[in-house]
Amino acid sequence: MPKGNIYVPVFFTDKGQVVMRLDPTGHLSIAAGGGASPDPGVAPTDFRLPSVEALAIEPATGALLIGSNDGRVYRIPGVATPVAP
């Protein structure tokens, strides 16, 4: 995963819950959420996120792990680049 990225859950009234990514250059973008689909297998920005309680990046795959207030952990692939061993 690129060093220096920061991931933060944010609630937007027009997009609902999203996870924002701030990269080392200062570019802010939506990493996941803001969509309409309840299926976490869709594109990261097409997924409708539940309320985010915790975030983590899976080092081997770069997937975003989202702990939610519904007691589930959602795995969103393709959010970050995996770390080379």
PDB file of N, CA and C in Angstrom:
ATOM      1  N   MET A   1       0.853  -1.161   0.000  1.00  0.00           N
ATOM      2  CA  MET A   1       0.000   0.000   0.000  1.00  0.00           C
ATOM      3  C   MET A   1       0.899   1.222   0.000  1.00  0.00           C
ATOM      4  N   PRO A   2       0.522   2.261  -0.702  1.00  0.00           N
ATOM      5  CA  PRO A   2       1.361   3.453  -0.720  1.00  0.00           C
ATOM      6  C   PRO A   2       1.520   4.022   0.683  1.00  0.00           C
ATOM      7  N   LYS A   3       2.753   4.319   1.035  1.00  0.00           N
ATOM      8  CA  LYS A   3       3.011   4.870   2.364  1.00  0.00           C
ATOM      9  C   LYS A   3       2.467   6.287   2.448  1.00  0.00           C
ATOM     10  N   GLY A   4       1.890   6.603   3.592  1.00  0.00           N
ATOM     11  CA  GLY A   4       1.438   7.958   3.833  1.00  0.00           C
ATOM     12  C   GLY A   4      -0.024   8.220   3.545  1.00  0.00           C
ATOM     13  N   ASN A   5      -0.767   7.255   3.003  1.00  0.00           N
ATOM     14  CA  ASN A   5      -2.199   7.468   2.803  1.00  0.00           C
ATOM     15  C   ASN A   5      -2.911   7.440   4.140  1.00  0.00           C
ATOM     16  N   ILE A   6      -3.913   8.300   4.275  1.00  0.00           N
ATOM     17  CA  ILE A   6      -4.750   8.335   5.463  1.00  0.00           C
ATOM     18  C   ILE A   6      -6.174   8.059   5.016  1.00  0.00           C
ATOM     19  N   TYR A   7      -6.860   7.150   5.725  1.00  0.00           N
ATOM     20  CA  TYR A   7      -8.244   6.800   5.409  1.00  0.00           C
ATOM     21  C   TYR A   7      -9.125   7.235   6.564  1.00  0.00           C
ATOM     22  N   VAL A   8     -10.217   7.966   6.245  1.00  0.00           N
ATOM     23  CA  VAL A   8     -11.079   8.531   7.266  1.00  0.00           C
ATOM     24  C   VAL A   8     -12.545   8.335   6.874  1.00  0.00           C
ATOM     25  N   PRO A   9     -13.387   7.814   7.792  1.00  0.00           N
ATOM     26  CA  PRO A   9     -14.814   7.741   7.482  1.00  0.00           C
ATOM     27  C   PRO A   9     -15.457   9.124   7.613  1.00  0.00           C
ATOM     28  N   VAL A  10     -16.326   9.442   6.663  1.00  0.00           N
ATOM     29  CA  VAL A  10     -16.989  10.752   6.647  1.00  0.00           C
ATOM     30  C   VAL A  10     -18.443  10.531   6.238  1.00  0.00           C
ATOM     31  N   PHE A  11     -19.353  11.303   6.816  1.00  0.00           N
ATOM     32  CA  PHE A  11     -20.753  11.235   6.402  1.00  0.00           C
ATOM     33  C   PHE A  11     -21.087  12.471   5.580  1.00  0.00           C
ATOM     34  N   PHE A  12     -21.565  12.256   4.343  1.00  0.00           N
ATOM     35  CA  PHE A  12     -22.027  13.334   3.474  1.00  0.00           C
ATOM     36  C   PHE A  12     -23.536  13.185   3.338  1.00  0.00           C
ATOM     37  N   THR A  13     -24.273  14.279   3.419  1.00  0.00           N
ATOM     38  CA  THR A  13     -25.724  14.171   3.303  1.00  0.00           C
ATOM     39  C   THR A  13     -26.154  13.674   1.930  1.00  0.00           C
ATOM     40  N   ASP A  14     -25.404  13.984   0.883  1.00  0.00           N
ATOM     41  CA  ASP A  14     -25.802  13.557  -0.462  1.00  0.00           C
ATOM     42  C   ASP A  14     -25.272  12.180  -0.851  1.00  0.00           C
ATOM     43  N   LYS A  15     -24.242  11.666  -0.185  1.00  0.00           N
ATOM     44  CA  LYS A  15     -23.650  10.375  -0.530  1.00  0.00           C
ATOM     45  C   LYS A  15     -23.722   9.350   0.592  1.00  0.00           C
ATOM     46  N   GLY A  16     -24.147   9.750   1.769  1.00  0.00           N
ATOM     47  CA  GLY A  16     -24.153   8.839   2.912  1.00  0.00           C
ATOM     48  C   GLY A  16     -22.742   8.651   3.441  1.00  0.00           C
ATOM     49  N   GLN A  17     -22.490   7.497   4.023  1.00  0.00           N
ATOM     50  CA  GLN A  17     -21.174   7.198   4.613  1.00  0.00           C
ATOM     51  C   GLN A  17     -20.168   6.883   3.505  1.00  0.00           C
ATOM     52  N   VAL A  18     -18.997   7.499   3.568  1.00  0.00           N
ATOM     53  CA  VAL A  18     -17.901   7.218   2.635  1.00  0.00           C
ATOM     54  C   VAL A  18     -16.605   7.100   3.427  1.00  0.00           C
ATOM     55  N   VAL A  19     -15.604   6.504   2.802  1.00  0.00           N
ATOM     56  CA  VAL A  19     -14.256   6.500   3.354  1.00  0.00           C
ATOM     57  C   VAL A  19     -13.407   7.339   2.411  1.00  0.00           C
ATOM     58  N   MET A  20     -12.849   8.421   2.955  1.00  0.00           N
ATOM     59  CA  MET A  20     -12.010   9.321   2.166  1.00  0.00           C
ATOM     60  C   MET A  20     -10.551   8.898   2.286  1.00  0.00           C
ATOM     61  N   ARG A  21      -9.798   9.107   1.201  1.00  0.00           N
ATOM     62  CA  ARG A  21      -8.358   8.815   1.193  1.00  0.00           C
ATOM     63  C   ARG A  21      -7.627  10.131   0.926  1.00  0.00           C
ATOM     64  N   LEU A  22      -6.693  10.449   1.832  1.00  0.00           N
ATOM     65  CA  LEU A  22      -5.815  11.606   1.663  1.00  0.00           C
ATOM     66  C   LEU A  22      -4.438  11.055   1.374  1.00  0.00           C
ATOM     67  N   ASP A  23      -3.913  11.353   0.165  1.00  0.00           N
ATOM     68  CA  ASP A  23      -2.592  10.827  -0.186  1.00  0.00           C
ATOM     69  C   ASP A  23      -1.500  11.821   0.208  1.00  0.00           C
ATOM     70  N   PRO A  24      -0.231  11.409   0.143  1.00  0.00           N
ATOM     71  CA  PRO A  24       0.867  12.276   0.588  1.00  0.00           C
ATOM     72  C   PRO A  24       0.986  13.596  -0.168  1.00  0.00           C
ATOM     73  N   THR A  25       0.400  13.675  -1.364  1.00  0.00           N
ATOM     74  CA  THR A  25       0.457  14.922  -2.127  1.00  0.00           C
ATOM     75  C   THR A  25      -0.645  15.899  -1.747  1.00  0.00           C
ATOM     76  N   GLY A  26      -1.578  15.446  -0.867  1.00  0.00           N
ATOM     77  CA  GLY A  26      -2.679  16.298  -0.448  1.00  0.00           C
ATOM     78  C   GLY A  26      -3.953  16.080  -1.241  1.00  0.00           C
ATOM     79  N   HIS A  27      -3.956  15.114  -2.166  1.00  0.00           N
ATOM     80  CA  HIS A  27      -5.154  14.824  -2.962  1.00  0.00           C
ATOM     81  C   HIS A  27      -6.158  14.056  -2.111  1.00  0.00           C
ATOM     82  N   LEU A  28      -7.388  14.540  -2.041  1.00  0.00           N
ATOM     83  CA  LEU A  28      -8.451  13.922  -1.272  1.00  0.00           C
ATOM     84  C   LEU A  28      -9.436  13.279  -2.233  1.00  0.00           C
ATOM     85  N   SER A  29      -9.766  12.009  -2.009  1.00  0.00           N
ATOM     86  CA  SER A  29     -10.691  11.303  -2.892  1.00  0.00           C
ATOM     87  C   SER A  29     -11.524  10.314  -2.085  1.00  0.00           C
ATOM     88  N   ILE A  30     -12.628   9.873  -2.690  1.00  0.00           N
ATOM     89  CA  ILE A  30     -13.446   8.843  -2.065  1.00  0.00           C
ATOM     90  C   ILE A  30     -12.832   7.496  -2.396  1.00  0.00           C
ATOM     91  N   ALA A  31     -12.462   6.729  -1.364  1.00  0.00           N
ATOM     92  CA  ALA A  31     -11.883   5.400  -1.558  1.00  0.00           C
ATOM     93  C   ALA A  31     -12.972   4.342  -1.634  1.00  0.00           C
ATOM     94  N   ALA A  32     -14.047   4.527  -0.879  1.00  0.00           N
ATOM     95  CA  ALA A  32     -15.149   3.555  -0.858  1.00  0.00           C
ATOM     96  C   ALA A  32     -16.410   4.233  -0.340  1.00  0.00           C
ATOM     97  N   GLY A  33     -17.548   3.703  -0.767  1.00  0.00           N
ATOM     98  CA  GLY A  33     -18.830   4.203  -0.293  1.00  0.00           C
ATOM     99  C   GLY A  33     -19.413   5.274  -1.189  1.00  0.00           C
ATOM    100  N   GLY A  34     -20.597   5.708  -0.832  1.00  0.00           N
ATOM    101  CA  GLY A  34     -21.286   6.747  -1.586  1.00  0.00           C
ATOM    102  C   GLY A  34     -22.204   6.203  -2.665  1.00  0.00           C
ATOM    103  N   GLY A  35     -22.233   4.894  -2.833  1.00  0.00           N
ATOM    104  CA  GLY A  35     -23.061   4.292  -3.865  1.00  0.00           C
ATOM    105  C   GLY A  35     -24.410   3.847  -3.334  1.00  0.00           C
ATOM    106  N   ALA A  36     -25.118   3.066  -4.162  1.00  0.00           N
ATOM    107  CA  ALA A  36     -26.464   2.624  -3.807  1.00  0.00           C
ATOM    108  C   ALA A  36     -26.552   1.134  -3.530  1.00  0.00           C
ATOM    109  N   SER A  37     -25.519   0.359  -3.877  1.00  0.00           N
ATOM    110  CA  SER A  37     -25.601  -1.092  -3.762  1.00  0.00           C
ATOM    111  C   SER A  37     -25.231  -1.584  -2.362  1.00  0.00           C
ATOM    112  N   PRO A  38     -26.039  -2.492  -1.785  1.00  0.00           N
ATOM    113  CA  PRO A  38     -25.690  -3.081  -0.493  1.00  0.00           C
ATOM    114  C   PRO A  38     -24.699  -4.240  -0.627  1.00  0.00           C
ATOM    115  N   ASP A  39     -24.273  -4.576  -1.850  1.00  0.00           N
ATOM    116  CA  ASP A  39     -23.355  -5.688  -2.118  1.00  0.00           C
ATOM    117  C   ASP A  39     -21.910  -5.192  -2.103  1.00  0.00           C
ATOM    118  N   PRO A  40     -21.076  -5.622  -1.122  1.00  0.00           N
ATOM    119  CA  PRO A  40     -19.692  -5.152  -1.068  1.00  0.00           C
ATOM    120  C   PRO A  40     -18.829  -5.673  -2.219  1.00  0.00           C
ATOM    121  N   GLY A  41     -19.373  -6.519  -3.084  1.00  0.00           N
ATOM    122  CA  GLY A  41     -18.620  -7.031  -4.217  1.00  0.00           C
ATOM    123  C   GLY A  41     -18.617  -6.097  -5.423  1.00  0.00           C
ATOM    124  N   VAL A  42     -19.341  -4.988  -5.366  1.00  0.00           N
ATOM    125  CA  VAL A  42     -19.361  -4.031  -6.468  1.00  0.00           C
ATOM    126  C   VAL A  42     -18.129  -3.128  -6.383  1.00  0.00           C
ATOM    127  N   ALA A  43     -17.978  -2.235  -7.330  1.00  0.00           N
ATOM    128  CA  ALA A  43     -16.871  -1.268  -7.291  1.00  0.00           C
ATOM    129  C   ALA A  43     -16.913  -0.517  -5.955  1.00  0.00           C
ATOM    130  N   PRO A  44     -15.750  -0.195  -5.375  1.00  0.00           N
ATOM    131  CA  PRO A  44     -15.717   0.432  -4.043  1.00  0.00           C
ATOM    132  C   PRO A  44     -16.603   1.669  -3.900  1.00  0.00           C
ATOM    133  N   THR A  45     -16.705   2.493  -4.943  1.00  0.00           N
ATOM    134  CA  THR A  45     -17.516   3.711  -4.829  1.00  0.00           C
ATOM    135  C   THR A  45     -18.982   3.478  -5.186  1.00  0.00           C
ATOM    136  N   ASP A  46     -19.346   2.243  -5.563  1.00  0.00           N
ATOM    137  CA  ASP A  46     -20.751   1.905  -5.812  1.00  0.00           C
ATOM    138  C   ASP A  46     -21.411   1.260  -4.591  1.00  0.00           C
ATOM    139  N   PHE A  47     -20.616   0.964  -3.563  1.00  0.00           N
ATOM    140  CA  PHE A  47     -21.110   0.287  -2.369  1.00  0.00           C
ATOM    141  C   PHE A  47     -21.725   1.293  -1.398  1.00  0.00           C
ATOM    142  N   ARG A  48     -22.884   0.962  -0.857  1.00  0.00           N
ATOM    143  CA  ARG A  48     -23.524   1.782   0.174  1.00  0.00           C
ATOM    144  C   ARG A  48     -23.008   1.301   1.529  1.00  0.00           C
ATOM    145  N   LEU A  49     -22.161   2.087   2.147  1.00  0.00           N
ATOM    146  CA  LEU A  49     -21.557   1.707   3.422  1.00  0.00           C
ATOM    147  C   LEU A  49     -22.534   1.840   4.580  1.00  0.00           C
ATOM    148  N   PRO A  50     -22.448   0.909   5.529  1.00  0.00           N
ATOM    149  CA  PRO A  50     -23.164   1.101   6.792  1.00  0.00           C
ATOM    150  C   PRO A  50     -22.360   2.102   7.629  1.00  0.00           C
ATOM    151  N   SER A  51     -22.762   2.339   8.839  1.00  0.00           N
ATOM    152  CA  SER A  51     -22.028   3.240   9.718  1.00  0.00           C
ATOM    153  C   SER A  51     -20.665   2.627  10.053  1.00  0.00           C
ATOM    154  N   VAL A  52     -19.606   3.353   9.756  1.00  0.00           N
ATOM    155  CA  VAL A  52     -18.241   2.851   9.933  1.00  0.00           C
ATOM    156  C   VAL A  52     -17.782   3.074  11.368  1.00  0.00           C
ATOM    157  N   GLU A  53     -17.311   1.991  11.998  1.00  0.00           N
ATOM    158  CA  GLU A  53     -16.805   2.054  13.365  1.00  0.00           C
ATOM    159  C   GLU A  53     -15.285   1.913  13.407  1.00  0.00           C
ATOM    160  N   ALA A  54     -14.694   1.179  12.437  1.00  0.00           N
ATOM    161  CA  ALA A  54     -13.244   0.953  12.424  1.00  0.00           C
ATOM    162  C   ALA A  54     -12.794   0.691  10.994  1.00  0.00           C
ATOM    163  N   LEU A  55     -11.541   1.052  10.705  1.00  0.00           N
ATOM    164  CA  LEU A  55     -10.950   0.841   9.379  1.00  0.00           C
ATOM    165  C   LEU A  55      -9.593   0.170   9.511  1.00  0.00           C
ATOM    166  N   ALA A  56      -9.261  -0.637   8.512  1.00  0.00           N
ATOM    167  CA  ALA A  56      -7.924  -1.226   8.423  1.00  0.00           C
ATOM    168  C   ALA A  56      -7.672  -1.565   6.965  1.00  0.00           C
ATOM    169  N   ILE A  57      -6.402  -1.635   6.588  1.00  0.00           N
ATOM    170  CA  ILE A  57      -6.004  -2.089   5.257  1.00  0.00           C
ATOM    171  C   ILE A  57      -5.356  -3.452   5.431  1.00  0.00           C
ATOM    172  N   GLU A  58      -5.807  -4.426   4.648  1.00  0.00           N
ATOM    173  CA  GLU A  58      -5.222  -5.767   4.660  1.00  0.00           C
ATOM    174  C   GLU A  58      -3.902  -5.698   3.885  1.00  0.00           C
ATOM    175  N   PRO A  59      -2.748  -5.829   4.562  1.00  0.00           N
ATOM    176  CA  PRO A  59      -1.451  -5.613   3.913  1.00  0.00           C
ATOM    177  C   PRO A  59      -1.190  -6.493   2.690  1.00  0.00           C
ATOM    178  N   ALA A  60      -1.571  -7.743   2.738  1.00  0.00           N
ATOM    179  CA  ALA A  60      -1.255  -8.660   1.631  1.00  0.00           C
ATOM    180  C   ALA A  60      -2.037  -8.368   0.366  1.00  0.00           C
ATOM    181  N   THR A  61      -3.250  -7.803   0.494  1.00  0.00           N
ATOM    182  CA  THR A  61      -4.092  -7.611  -0.684  1.00  0.00           C
ATOM    183  C   THR A  61      -4.449  -6.166  -0.978  1.00  0.00           C
ATOM    184  N   GLY A  62      -4.323  -5.288  -0.002  1.00  0.00           N
ATOM    185  CA  GLY A  62      -4.722  -3.902  -0.184  1.00  0.00           C
ATOM    186  C   GLY A  62      -6.214  -3.684  -0.009  1.00  0.00           C
ATOM    187  N   ALA A  63      -6.933  -4.706   0.453  1.00  0.00           N
ATOM    188  CA  ALA A  63      -8.374  -4.559   0.669  1.00  0.00           C
ATOM    189  C   ALA A  63      -8.633  -3.673   1.887  1.00  0.00           C
ATOM    190  N   LEU A  64      -9.693  -2.896   1.801  1.00  0.00           N
ATOM    191  CA  LEU A  64     -10.132  -2.069   2.919  1.00  0.00           C
ATOM    192  C   LEU A  64     -11.063  -2.908   3.781  1.00  0.00           C
ATOM    193  N   LEU A  65     -10.772  -3.004   5.069  1.00  0.00           N
ATOM    194  CA  LEU A  65     -11.620  -3.723   6.019  1.00  0.00           C
ATOM    195  C   LEU A  65     -12.393  -2.693   6.822  1.00  0.00           C
ATOM    196  N   ILE A  66     -13.708  -2.843   6.846  1.00  0.00           N
ATOM    197  CA  ILE A  66     -14.566  -1.872   7.507  1.00  0.00           C
ATOM    198  C   ILE A  66     -15.372  -2.572   8.587  1.00  0.00           C
ATOM    199  N   GLY A  67     -15.152  -2.189   9.828  1.00  0.00           N
ATOM    200  CA  GLY A  67     -15.971  -2.670  10.936  1.00  0.00           C
ATOM    201  C   GLY A  67     -17.151  -1.734  11.078  1.00  0.00           C
ATOM    202  N   SER A  68     -18.356  -2.284  11.074  1.00  0.00           N
ATOM    203  CA  SER A  68     -19.545  -1.439  11.086  1.00  0.00           C
ATOM    204  C   SER A  68     -20.361  -1.618  12.354  1.00  0.00           C
ATOM    205  N   ASN A  69     -21.317  -0.714  12.544  1.00  0.00           N
ATOM    206  CA  ASN A  69     -22.162  -0.782  13.732  1.00  0.00           C
ATOM    207  C   ASN A  69     -23.210  -1.886  13.636  1.00  0.00           C
ATOM    208  N   ASP A  70     -23.282  -2.594  12.496  1.00  0.00           N
ATOM    209  CA  ASP A  70     -24.206  -3.726  12.393  1.00  0.00           C
ATOM    210  C   ASP A  70     -23.525  -5.032  12.811  1.00  0.00           C
ATOM    211  N   GLY A  71     -22.287  -4.932  13.354  1.00  0.00           N
ATOM    212  CA  GLY A  71     -21.581  -6.103  13.856  1.00  0.00           C
ATOM    213  C   GLY A  71     -20.854  -6.898  12.785  1.00  0.00           C
ATOM    214  N   ARG A  72     -20.730  -6.365  11.591  1.00  0.00           N
ATOM    215  CA  ARG A  72     -20.062  -7.064  10.491  1.00  0.00           C
ATOM    216  C   ARG A  72     -18.756  -6.382  10.137  1.00  0.00           C
ATOM    217  N   VAL A  73     -17.889  -7.154   9.503  1.00  0.00           N
ATOM    218  CA  VAL A  73     -16.666  -6.601   8.914  1.00  0.00           C
ATOM    219  C   VAL A  73     -16.805  -6.778   7.410  1.00  0.00           C
ATOM    220  N   TYR A  74     -16.760  -5.672   6.693  1.00  0.00           N
ATOM    221  CA  TYR A  74     -16.863  -5.697   5.240  1.00  0.00           C
ATOM    222  C   TYR A  74     -15.461  -5.620   4.657  1.00  0.00           C
ATOM    223  N   ARG A  75     -15.225  -6.399   3.616  1.00  0.00           N
ATOM    224  CA  ARG A  75     -13.929  -6.410   2.932  1.00  0.00           C
ATOM    225  C   ARG A  75     -14.137  -5.842   1.537  1.00  0.00           C
ATOM    226  N   ILE A  76     -13.516  -4.694   1.262  1.00  0.00           N
ATOM    227  CA  ILE A  76     -13.661  -4.012  -0.019  1.00  0.00           C
ATOM    228  C   ILE A  76     -12.328  -4.130  -0.755  1.00  0.00           C
ATOM    229  N   PRO A  77     -12.252  -5.015  -1.775  1.00  0.00           N
ATOM    230  CA  PRO A  77     -10.980  -5.200  -2.492  1.00  0.00           C
ATOM    231  C   PRO A  77     -10.641  -4.019  -3.391  1.00  0.00           C
ATOM    232  N   GLY A  78      -9.367  -3.906  -3.713  1.00  0.00           N
ATOM    233  CA  GLY A  78      -8.927  -2.926  -4.710  1.00  0.00           C
ATOM    234  C   GLY A  78      -8.825  -1.500  -4.249  1.00  0.00           C
ATOM    235  N   VAL A  79      -8.777  -1.253  -2.960  1.00  0.00           N
ATOM    236  CA  VAL A  79      -8.708   0.124  -2.469  1.00  0.00           C
ATOM    237  C   VAL A  79      -7.270   0.626  -2.404  1.00  0.00           C
ATOM    238  N   ALA A  80      -6.341  -0.221  -1.992  1.00  0.00           N
ATOM    239  CA  ALA A  80      -4.933   0.172  -1.876  1.00  0.00           C
ATOM    240  C   ALA A  80      -4.061  -0.860  -2.581  1.00  0.00           C
ATOM    241  N   THR A  81      -2.838  -0.494  -2.880  1.00  0.00           N
ATOM    242  CA  THR A  81      -1.890  -1.398  -3.494  1.00  0.00           C
ATOM    243  C   THR A  81      -1.205  -2.227  -2.412  1.00  0.00           C
ATOM    244  N   PRO A  82      -1.152  -3.564  -2.568  1.00  0.00           N
ATOM    245  CA  PRO A  82      -0.514  -4.390  -1.531  1.00  0.00           C
ATOM    246  C   PRO A  82       0.955  -4.031  -1.326  1.00  0.00           C
ATOM    247  N   VAL A  83       1.440  -4.295  -0.140  1.00  0.00           N
ATOM    248  CA  VAL A  83       2.855  -4.080   0.199  1.00  0.00           C
ATOM    249  C   VAL A  83       3.665  -5.271  -0.315  1.00  0.00           C
ATOM    250  N   ALA A  84       4.780  -4.984  -0.976  1.00  0.00           N
ATOM    251  CA  ALA A  84       5.677  -6.048  -1.420  1.00  0.00           C
ATOM    252  C   ALA A  84       6.456  -6.571  -0.207  1.00  0.00           C
ATOM    253  N   PRO A  85       6.589  -7.892  -0.090  1.00  0.00           N
ATOM    254  CA  PRO A  85       7.329  -8.428   1.068  1.00  0.00           C
ATOM    255  C   PRO A  85       8.813  -8.104   1.026  1.00  0.00           C
TER     256      PRO A  85
END
